[in-house]
Amino acid sequence: MEKKTLKDYEVDIPRVAELLATDSKMQEFFNALTPGYQREWARFIFGAKAEATKERHIEQMKVVFKAGFKSKRGYDQKEK
């Protein structure tokens, strides 16, 4: 099986926005991100095979957004 590229996850961007539908501020934050960040989040969530992993990644995305970061990479590199 061929490995999916980041561009392949572009079709999943609306699905990520749907996951945030219950929190309009978070959904607006996601929609304001550049397409590159949106694709990264789509890959982070929908690149996971196990459903439990997807759920964990969704929760991690929400934590990152609440902290005001665009990417998990930026959030992970913040000063602790």
PDB file of N, CA and C in Angstrom:
ATOM      1  N   MET A   1       0.836  -1.188   0.000  1.00  0.00           N
ATOM      2  CA  MET A   1       0.000   0.000   0.000  1.00  0.00           C
ATOM      3  C   MET A   1       0.879   1.249   0.000  1.00  0.00           C
ATOM      4  N   GLU A   2       0.514   2.192  -0.813  1.00  0.00           N
ATOM      5  CA  GLU A   2       1.272   3.434  -0.947  1.00  0.00           C
ATOM      6  C   GLU A   2       0.955   4.369   0.220  1.00  0.00           C
ATOM      7  N   LYS A   3       2.007   4.985   0.755  1.00  0.00           N
ATOM      8  CA  LYS A   3       1.833   5.910   1.878  1.00  0.00           C
ATOM      9  C   LYS A   3       1.167   7.201   1.397  1.00  0.00           C
ATOM     10  N   LYS A   4       0.187   7.669   2.169  1.00  0.00           N
ATOM     11  CA  LYS A   4      -0.505   8.899   1.806  1.00  0.00           C
ATOM     12  C   LYS A   4       0.387  10.110   2.057  1.00  0.00           C
ATOM     13  N   THR A   5       0.310  11.068   1.164  1.00  0.00           N
ATOM     14  CA  THR A   5       1.052  12.315   1.339  1.00  0.00           C
ATOM     15  C   THR A   5       0.176  13.310   2.092  1.00  0.00           C
ATOM     16  N   LEU A   6       0.782  14.389   2.521  1.00  0.00           N
ATOM     17  CA  LEU A   6       0.031  15.426   3.234  1.00  0.00           C
ATOM     18  C   LEU A   6      -1.106  15.958   2.363  1.00  0.00           C
ATOM     19  N   LYS A   7      -0.857  16.115   1.089  1.00  0.00           N
ATOM     20  CA  LYS A   7      -1.877  16.623   0.161  1.00  0.00           C
ATOM     21  C   LYS A   7      -3.085  15.694   0.096  1.00  0.00           C
ATOM     22  N   ASP A   8      -2.863  14.408   0.267  1.00  0.00           N
ATOM     23  CA  ASP A   8      -3.962  13.436   0.232  1.00  0.00           C
ATOM     24  C   ASP A   8      -4.985  13.662   1.344  1.00  0.00           C
ATOM     25  N   TYR A   9      -4.593  14.343   2.401  1.00  0.00           N
ATOM     26  CA  TYR A   9      -5.490  14.575   3.535  1.00  0.00           C
ATOM     27  C   TYR A   9      -6.347  15.822   3.357  1.00  0.00           C
ATOM     28  N   GLU A  10      -6.159  16.535   2.266  1.00  0.00           N
ATOM     29  CA  GLU A  10      -6.939  17.748   2.012  1.00  0.00           C
ATOM     30  C   GLU A  10      -8.439  17.460   2.002  1.00  0.00           C
ATOM     31  N   VAL A  11      -8.825  16.290   1.515  1.00  0.00           N
ATOM     32  CA  VAL A  11     -10.243  15.923   1.460  1.00  0.00           C
ATOM     33  C   VAL A  11     -10.844  15.747   2.856  1.00  0.00           C
ATOM     34  N   ASP A  12      -9.999  15.552   3.872  1.00  0.00           N
ATOM     35  CA  ASP A  12     -10.473  15.347   5.246  1.00  0.00           C
ATOM     36  C   ASP A  12     -10.633  16.639   6.037  1.00  0.00           C
ATOM     37  N   ILE A  13     -10.223  17.759   5.471  1.00  0.00           N
ATOM     38  CA  ILE A  13     -10.305  19.039   6.190  1.00  0.00           C
ATOM     39  C   ILE A  13     -11.732  19.344   6.646  1.00  0.00           C
ATOM     40  N   PRO A  14     -12.750  19.184   5.794  1.00  0.00           N
ATOM     41  CA  PRO A  14     -14.131  19.446   6.278  1.00  0.00           C
ATOM     42  C   PRO A  14     -14.532  18.524   7.429  1.00  0.00           C
ATOM     43  N   ARG A  15     -14.001  17.307   7.452  1.00  0.00           N
ATOM     44  CA  ARG A  15     -14.315  16.379   8.549  1.00  0.00           C
ATOM     45  C   ARG A  15     -13.736  16.884   9.869  1.00  0.00           C
ATOM     46  N   VAL A  16     -12.562  17.495   9.812  1.00  0.00           N
ATOM     47  CA  VAL A  16     -11.955  18.057  11.021  1.00  0.00           C
ATOM     48  C   VAL A  16     -12.831  19.211  11.521  1.00  0.00           C
ATOM     49  N   ALA A  17     -13.265  20.072  10.614  1.00  0.00           N
ATOM     50  CA  ALA A  17     -14.127  21.195  10.995  1.00  0.00           C
ATOM     51  C   ALA A  17     -15.420  20.686  11.632  1.00  0.00           C
ATOM     52  N   GLU A  18     -15.963  19.589  11.113  1.00  0.00           N
ATOM     53  CA  GLU A  18     -17.185  18.995  11.683  1.00  0.00           C
ATOM     54  C   GLU A  18     -16.959  18.517  13.112  1.00  0.00           C
ATOM     55  N   LEU A  19     -15.762  18.003  13.387  1.00  0.00           N
ATOM     56  CA  LEU A  19     -15.450  17.526  14.738  1.00  0.00           C
ATOM     57  C   LEU A  19     -15.495  18.661  15.757  1.00  0.00           C
ATOM     58  N   LEU A  20     -15.322  19.884  15.275  1.00  0.00           N
ATOM     59  CA  LEU A  20     -15.298  21.052  16.163  1.00  0.00           C
ATOM     60  C   LEU A  20     -16.625  21.805  16.162  1.00  0.00           C
ATOM     61  N   ALA A  21     -17.641  21.238  15.549  1.00  0.00           N
ATOM     62  CA  ALA A  21     -18.925  21.924  15.370  1.00  0.00           C
ATOM     63  C   ALA A  21     -19.591  22.318  16.691  1.00  0.00           C
ATOM     64  N   THR A  22     -19.305  21.613  17.762  1.00  0.00           N
ATOM     65  CA  THR A  22     -19.936  21.924  19.043  1.00  0.00           C
ATOM     66  C   THR A  22     -19.296  23.126  19.735  1.00  0.00           C
ATOM     67  N   ASP A  23     -18.153  23.570  19.251  1.00  0.00           N
ATOM     68  CA  ASP A  23     -17.465  24.727  19.822  1.00  0.00           C
ATOM     69  C   ASP A  23     -17.153  25.706  18.696  1.00  0.00           C
ATOM     70  N   SER A  24     -18.004  26.712  18.545  1.00  0.00           N
ATOM     71  CA  SER A  24     -17.872  27.628  17.403  1.00  0.00           C
ATOM     72  C   SER A  24     -16.544  28.391  17.412  1.00  0.00           C
ATOM     73  N   LYS A  25     -16.034  28.753  18.593  1.00  0.00           N
ATOM     74  CA  LYS A  25     -14.749  29.460  18.650  1.00  0.00           C
ATOM     75  C   LYS A  25     -13.614  28.585  18.119  1.00  0.00           C
ATOM     76  N   MET A  26     -13.623  27.323  18.530  1.00  0.00           N
ATOM     77  CA  MET A  26     -12.584  26.408  18.084  1.00  0.00           C
ATOM     78  C   MET A  26     -12.716  26.134  16.581  1.00  0.00           C
ATOM     79  N   GLN A  27     -13.935  26.022  16.116  1.00  0.00           N
ATOM     80  CA  GLN A  27     -14.166  25.786  14.695  1.00  0.00           C
ATOM     81  C   GLN A  27     -13.704  26.995  13.869  1.00  0.00           C
ATOM     82  N   GLU A  28     -13.990  28.190  14.355  1.00  0.00           N
ATOM     83  CA  GLU A  28     -13.528  29.405  13.670  1.00  0.00           C
ATOM     84  C   GLU A  28     -12.003  29.473  13.655  1.00  0.00           C
ATOM     85  N   PHE A  29     -11.379  29.094  14.773  1.00  0.00           N
ATOM     86  CA  PHE A  29      -9.921  29.077  14.853  1.00  0.00           C
ATOM     87  C   PHE A  29      -9.354  28.132  13.791  1.00  0.00           C
ATOM     88  N   PHE A  30      -9.926  26.933  13.695  1.00  0.00           N
ATOM     89  CA  PHE A  30      -9.466  25.963  12.703  1.00  0.00           C
ATOM     90  C   PHE A  30      -9.682  26.486  11.280  1.00  0.00           C
ATOM     91  N   ASN A  31     -10.848  27.043  11.022  1.00  0.00           N
ATOM     92  CA  ASN A  31     -11.150  27.532   9.674  1.00  0.00           C
ATOM     93  C   ASN A  31     -10.251  28.698   9.261  1.00  0.00           C
ATOM     94  N   ALA A  32      -9.715  29.429  10.233  1.00  0.00           N
ATOM     95  CA  ALA A  32      -8.831  30.560   9.941  1.00  0.00           C
ATOM     96  C   ALA A  32      -7.385  30.114   9.677  1.00  0.00           C
ATOM     97  N   LEU A  33      -7.071  28.862   9.980  1.00  0.00           N
ATOM     98  CA  LEU A  33      -5.724  28.358   9.738  1.00  0.00           C
ATOM     99  C   LEU A  33      -5.456  28.259   8.239  1.00  0.00           C
ATOM    100  N   THR A  34      -4.194  28.335   7.878  1.00  0.00           N
ATOM    101  CA  THR A  34      -3.828  28.163   6.471  1.00  0.00           C
ATOM    102  C   THR A  34      -4.099  26.707   6.069  1.00  0.00           C
ATOM    103  N   PRO A  35      -4.278  26.463   4.782  1.00  0.00           N
ATOM    104  CA  PRO A  35      -4.527  25.090   4.328  1.00  0.00           C
ATOM    105  C   PRO A  35      -3.445  24.096   4.767  1.00  0.00           C
ATOM    106  N   GLY A  36      -2.221  24.548   4.869  1.00  0.00           N
ATOM    107  CA  GLY A  36      -1.145  23.658   5.310  1.00  0.00           C
ATOM    108  C   GLY A  36      -1.357  23.150   6.728  1.00  0.00           C
ATOM    109  N   TYR A  37      -1.705  24.048   7.641  1.00  0.00           N
ATOM    110  CA  TYR A  37      -1.998  23.641   9.023  1.00  0.00           C
ATOM    111  C   TYR A  37      -3.231  22.745   9.056  1.00  0.00           C
ATOM    112  N   GLN A  38      -4.235  23.076   8.270  1.00  0.00           N
ATOM    113  CA  GLN A  38      -5.449  22.263   8.244  1.00  0.00           C
ATOM    114  C   GLN A  38      -5.144  20.841   7.766  1.00  0.00           C
ATOM    115  N   ARG A  39      -4.297  20.718   6.747  1.00  0.00           N
ATOM    116  CA  ARG A  39      -3.919  19.382   6.258  1.00  0.00           C
ATOM    117  C   ARG A  39      -3.141  18.616   7.322  1.00  0.00           C
ATOM    118  N   GLU A  40      -2.268  19.321   8.055  1.00  0.00           N
ATOM    119  CA  GLU A  40      -1.515  18.648   9.124  1.00  0.00           C
ATOM    120  C   GLU A  40      -2.456  18.069  10.173  1.00  0.00           C
ATOM    121  N   TRP A  41      -3.471  18.838  10.548  1.00  0.00           N
ATOM    122  CA  TRP A  41      -4.424  18.343  11.547  1.00  0.00           C
ATOM    123  C   TRP A  41      -5.237  17.183  10.991  1.00  0.00           C
ATOM    124  N   ALA A  42      -5.614  17.264   9.726  1.00  0.00           N
ATOM    125  CA  ALA A  42      -6.361  16.168   9.109  1.00  0.00           C
ATOM    126  C   ALA A  42      -5.518  14.885   9.119  1.00  0.00           C
ATOM    127  N   ARG A  43      -4.222  15.021   8.806  1.00  0.00           N
ATOM    128  CA  ARG A  43      -3.345  13.842   8.825  1.00  0.00           C
ATOM    129  C   ARG A  43      -3.171  13.324  10.246  1.00  0.00           C
ATOM    130  N   PHE A  44      -3.016  14.235  11.208  1.00  0.00           N
ATOM    131  CA  PHE A  44      -2.824  13.845  12.605  1.00  0.00           C
ATOM    132  C   PHE A  44      -4.002  13.005  13.096  1.00  0.00           C
ATOM    133  N   ILE A  45      -5.203  13.388  12.711  1.00  0.00           N
ATOM    134  CA  ILE A  45      -6.397  12.685  13.188  1.00  0.00           C
ATOM    135  C   ILE A  45      -6.712  11.470  12.319  1.00  0.00           C
ATOM    136  N   PHE A  46      -6.835  11.685  11.028  1.00  0.00           N
ATOM    137  CA  PHE A  46      -7.321  10.616  10.157  1.00  0.00           C
ATOM    138  C   PHE A  46      -6.213   9.708   9.634  1.00  0.00           C
ATOM    139  N   GLY A  47      -4.981  10.011   9.967  1.00  0.00           N
ATOM    140  CA  GLY A  47      -3.881   9.119   9.629  1.00  0.00           C
ATOM    141  C   GLY A  47      -3.748   7.985  10.635  1.00  0.00           C
ATOM    142  N   ALA A  48      -4.402   8.140  11.772  1.00  0.00           N
ATOM    143  CA  ALA A  48      -4.382   7.099  12.803  1.00  0.00           C
ATOM    144  C   ALA A  48      -5.302   5.954  12.382  1.00  0.00           C
ATOM    145  N   LYS A  49      -4.872   4.749  12.640  1.00  0.00           N
ATOM    146  CA  LYS A  49      -5.684   3.587  12.249  1.00  0.00           C
ATOM    147  C   LYS A  49      -6.727   3.240  13.305  1.00  0.00           C
ATOM    148  N   ALA A  50      -6.328   3.221  14.552  1.00  0.00           N
ATOM    149  CA  ALA A  50      -7.226   2.821  15.637  1.00  0.00           C
ATOM    150  C   ALA A  50      -8.157   3.961  16.023  1.00  0.00           C
ATOM    151  N   GLU A  51      -9.397   3.615  16.268  1.00  0.00           N
ATOM    152  CA  GLU A  51     -10.398   4.612  16.648  1.00  0.00           C
ATOM    153  C   GLU A  51     -10.020   5.306  17.954  1.00  0.00           C
ATOM    154  N   ALA A  52      -9.462   4.556  18.901  1.00  0.00           N
ATOM    155  CA  ALA A  52      -9.048   5.136  20.184  1.00  0.00           C
ATOM    156  C   ALA A  52      -7.959   6.189  19.974  1.00  0.00           C
ATOM    157  N   THR A  53      -7.061   5.928  19.043  1.00  0.00           N
ATOM    158  CA  THR A  53      -5.999   6.880  18.745  1.00  0.00           C
ATOM    159  C   THR A  53      -6.582   8.144  18.120  1.00  0.00           C
ATOM    160  N   LYS A  54      -7.535   7.982  17.212  1.00  0.00           N
ATOM    161  CA  LYS A  54      -8.195   9.140  16.602  1.00  0.00           C
ATOM    162  C   LYS A  54      -8.849  10.002  17.667  1.00  0.00           C
ATOM    163  N   GLU A  55      -9.545   9.368  18.609  1.00  0.00           N
ATOM    164  CA  GLU A  55     -10.212  10.117  19.683  1.00  0.00           C
ATOM    165  C   GLU A  55      -9.192  10.869  20.534  1.00  0.00           C
ATOM    166  N   ARG A  56      -8.079  10.218  20.834  1.00  0.00           N
ATOM    167  CA  ARG A  56      -7.028  10.862  21.627  1.00  0.00           C
ATOM    168  C   ARG A  56      -6.440  12.055  20.865  1.00  0.00           C
ATOM    169  N   HIS A  57      -6.254  11.906  19.575  1.00  0.00           N
ATOM    170  CA  HIS A  57      -5.708  12.997  18.755  1.00  0.00           C
ATOM    171  C   HIS A  57      -6.683  14.165  18.672  1.00  0.00           C
ATOM    172  N   ILE A  58      -7.971  13.881  18.613  1.00  0.00           N
ATOM    173  CA  ILE A  58      -8.976  14.951  18.597  1.00  0.00           C
ATOM    174  C   ILE A  58      -8.901  15.753  19.892  1.00  0.00           C
ATOM    175  N   GLU A  59      -8.792  15.059  21.011  1.00  0.00           N
ATOM    176  CA  GLU A  59      -8.695  15.745  22.305  1.00  0.00           C
ATOM    177  C   GLU A  59      -7.400  16.555  22.390  1.00  0.00           C
ATOM    178  N   GLN A  60      -6.306  16.018  21.874  1.00  0.00           N
ATOM    179  CA  GLN A  60      -5.037  16.753  21.873  1.00  0.00           C
ATOM    180  C   GLN A  60      -5.149  18.014  21.013  1.00  0.00           C
ATOM    181  N   MET A  61      -5.831  17.918  19.883  1.00  0.00           N
ATOM    182  CA  MET A  61      -6.023  19.081  19.013  1.00  0.00           C
ATOM    183  C   MET A  61      -6.776  20.180  19.768  1.00  0.00           C
ATOM    184  N   LYS A  62      -7.789  19.803  20.512  1.00  0.00           N
ATOM    185  CA  LYS A  62      -8.577  20.787  21.263  1.00  0.00           C
ATOM    186  C   LYS A  62      -7.727  21.477  22.331  1.00  0.00           C
ATOM    187  N   VAL A  63      -6.867  20.737  22.989  1.00  0.00           N
ATOM    188  CA  VAL A  63      -5.965  21.309  23.998  1.00  0.00           C
ATOM    189  C   VAL A  63      -5.025  22.323  23.348  1.00  0.00           C
ATOM    190  N   VAL A  64      -4.480  21.956  22.192  1.00  0.00           N
ATOM    191  CA  VAL A  64      -3.556  22.833  21.473  1.00  0.00           C
ATOM    192  C   VAL A  64      -4.266  24.121  21.061  1.00  0.00           C
ATOM    193  N   PHE A  65      -5.482  24.005  20.529  1.00  0.00           N
ATOM    194  CA  PHE A  65      -6.240  25.186  20.104  1.00  0.00           C
ATOM    195  C   PHE A  65      -6.597  26.071  21.294  1.00  0.00           C
ATOM    196  N   LYS A  66      -7.002  25.467  22.402  1.00  0.00           N
ATOM    197  CA  LYS A  66      -7.352  26.256  23.601  1.00  0.00           C
ATOM    198  C   LYS A  66      -6.141  27.036  24.105  1.00  0.00           C
ATOM    199  N   ALA A  67      -4.944  26.483  23.898  1.00  0.00           N
ATOM    200  CA  ALA A  67      -3.720  27.161  24.321  1.00  0.00           C
ATOM    201  C   ALA A  67      -3.304  28.232  23.317  1.00  0.00           C
ATOM    202  N   GLY A  68      -4.024  28.312  22.180  1.00  0.00           N
ATOM    203  CA  GLY A  68      -3.761  29.358  21.200  1.00  0.00           C
ATOM    204  C   GLY A  68      -2.699  29.022  20.159  1.00  0.00           C
ATOM    205  N   PHE A  69      -2.362  27.750  20.027  1.00  0.00           N
ATOM    206  CA  PHE A  69      -1.345  27.334  19.061  1.00  0.00           C
ATOM    207  C   PHE A  69      -1.997  26.794  17.797  1.00  0.00           C
ATOM    208  N   LYS A  70      -1.319  27.017  16.657  1.00  0.00           N
ATOM    209  CA  LYS A  70      -1.824  26.556  15.369  1.00  0.00           C
ATOM    210  C   LYS A  70      -1.465  25.100  15.104  1.00  0.00           C
ATOM    211  N   SER A  71      -0.357  24.646  15.695  1.00  0.00           N
ATOM    212  CA  SER A  71       0.112  23.290  15.416  1.00  0.00           C
ATOM    213  C   SER A  71       0.528  22.589  16.705  1.00  0.00           C
ATOM    214  N   LYS A  72       0.469  21.279  16.671  1.00  0.00           N
ATOM    215  CA  LYS A  72       0.920  20.490  17.808  1.00  0.00           C
ATOM    216  C   LYS A  72       2.419  20.655  17.990  1.00  0.00           C
ATOM    217  N   ARG A  73       3.134  20.772  16.884  1.00  0.00           N
ATOM    218  CA  ARG A  73       4.591  20.956  16.930  1.00  0.00           C
ATOM    219  C   ARG A  73       4.936  22.230  17.709  1.00  0.00           C
ATOM    220  N   GLY A  74       4.246  23.324  17.423  1.00  0.00           N
ATOM    221  CA  GLY A  74       4.473  24.573  18.132  1.00  0.00           C
ATOM    222  C   GLY A  74       4.119  24.462  19.604  1.00  0.00           C
ATOM    223  N   TYR A  75       3.009  23.780  19.883  1.00  0.00           N
ATOM    224  CA  TYR A  75       2.573  23.579  21.262  1.00  0.00           C
ATOM    225  C   TYR A  75       3.598  22.740  22.040  1.00  0.00           C
ATOM    226  N   ASP A  76       4.098  21.690  21.399  1.00  0.00           N
ATOM    227  CA  ASP A  76       5.064  20.808  22.062  1.00  0.00           C
ATOM    228  C   ASP A  76       6.401  21.502  22.321  1.00  0.00           C
ATOM    229  N   GLN A  77       6.718  22.540  21.547  1.00  0.00           N
ATOM    230  CA  GLN A  77       7.988  23.228  21.700  1.00  0.00           C
ATOM    231  C   GLN A  77       7.909  24.435  22.640  1.00  0.00           C
ATOM    232  N   LYS A  78       6.717  24.742  23.126  1.00  0.00           N
ATOM    233  CA  LYS A  78       6.572  25.897  24.013  1.00  0.00           C
ATOM    234  C   LYS A  78       7.369  25.670  25.296  1.00  0.00           C
ATOM    235  N   GLU A  79       7.729  26.752  25.924  1.00  0.00           N
ATOM    236  CA  GLU A  79       8.465  26.633  27.194  1.00  0.00           C
ATOM    237  C   GLU A  79       7.537  26.066  28.249  1.00  0.00           C
ATOM    238  N   LYS A  80       8.064  25.139  28.995  1.00  0.00           N
ATOM    239  CA  LYS A  80       7.232  24.482  30.014  1.00  0.00           C
ATOM    240  C   LYS A  80       7.459  25.101  31.370  1.00  0.00           C
TER     241      LYS A  80
END
